[in-house]
Amino acid sequence: REKYAPLVSHVNHRNDLTYVIGEMVGELNVGHSYVGGGDRPSVRRISTGLLGAELERDATSKYYRIKRILRGQNWDKSLRSPLTEIGVKASAGDYILAVDGEPVNAMANIYEALLNTVGKQVKLRLNSRPEMAGSWETTVLPIADEASLYYYDWVESNLKKVSEATKGEVGYLHVPDMGPAGLNEFVKHFYPQLRKKALIVDIRGNGGGNVSPMLIDRLRREAVMIGIARNSIPTPDPNEALLGPVVCLMDEFSASDGDLFPYRFKMHKLGKLIGKRTWGGVVGIRGPLPLVDGGQFFKPEFSRYDLGGKEWIIEGHGVEPDIYVDNDPGKEFSGIDEQLNRAIEEIVAEMKTKAKALPPLPPYPKKN
């Protein structure tokens, strides 16, 4: 009280109050202690339509060249890539000459022509050359956010890289959080890759949640028998059992339940942890406490200690990797993922000694 009371008279805005409360809570030095919201002014946001593409301006003509088109899954609204939809004629390398009839070479920025166009039909004039002669017009529906497309493209690129580097023998999956999105990604990629000889589980950037026990249960399953049906091939029983080795990628942005997952992974001896020490915040919350102005305050109220009853675990430190690898920002920006490269190297080496194959069929029984 003595330390922070003098600041009260200087609080003139909700952000000031949030700052003071945040500093007070910070004295606890504990994770998940949040404060925010409340009676704060806000401005109307102007949405800008995005094309799901990286553009670069031609220095001579001032038209915009499509440098790269982001992949999507257009049957999924959250992964719709406008320039890849049926009926849209656009390719990487084409030039955008006009938007709704307005030449873009006369604009300060092409996005001024895409204001308030999210989900609305927009006509683009394109050409393979930066000139009007021979150009064509195509209609697109811009999107509000490209983040999901970049994430999808990153995951697909990693899948392709792992598959090509291991001749299709190793699977890869990324789990972005320990909630609905993470479960969806796990289910989408884990089960189709069960018959791979090994698996890389990537939880870098995992934002936490509460489903890490469920994922660990799936990874721990062991075959206890082999099943076979008429006109089929042998399969492990339970069928959802992964036979080969597994490694886990993690980093300093693997947080909360993203801390607990690698801890469980290590305790169950599922495989090596590769990357950087995790975030280190496992004192958890159940929900916010409401403040009178509509703000929220989160009160951390549960944590974990080790099975031996000797120490509180993870909080304030994180989970240490077995193999430390830090991605160089410059190399990562240019597409070189040293952490993933090391994971591929380790899993290939482990397959030489830990890969498991299904045993052959025994002789059929004689019934006569």
Foldseek 3Di string as FASTA:
>chain_A
DVVLVVQVVVDDFVVSVLVSVVVVVCVVVAPPWHWDDFPHDDDDDWFWFDQQFDWDADPPLRWIFGQGHFDFDCVDVVGNHWCPDPQHDDDHQKTFQDKQPHGNSPPPDPRVSRIPQAQHKIKTWIDSDSDNPPIDITITHTHRDNVVSVVVRVQVVLQVVLCVVQVNQEGEFEQQEQDDSRVVRCVVGLQVCLPRQEYEYEDELYQYDPNLVVVVVLAPDDFPDWDDDPPGDIAGVVNSYRQFAYEYEYEQNLDAVSLVNVVVCVVSVRDFYFEAFYNQHHQAFDDWDADPRRMTTTDRDDADDDPVPPGGPRHPTGDGGPYYDYDDVVCVVVPDDVRSVVNSVVRVVRSVPTGDDDDDDDDDDDDD
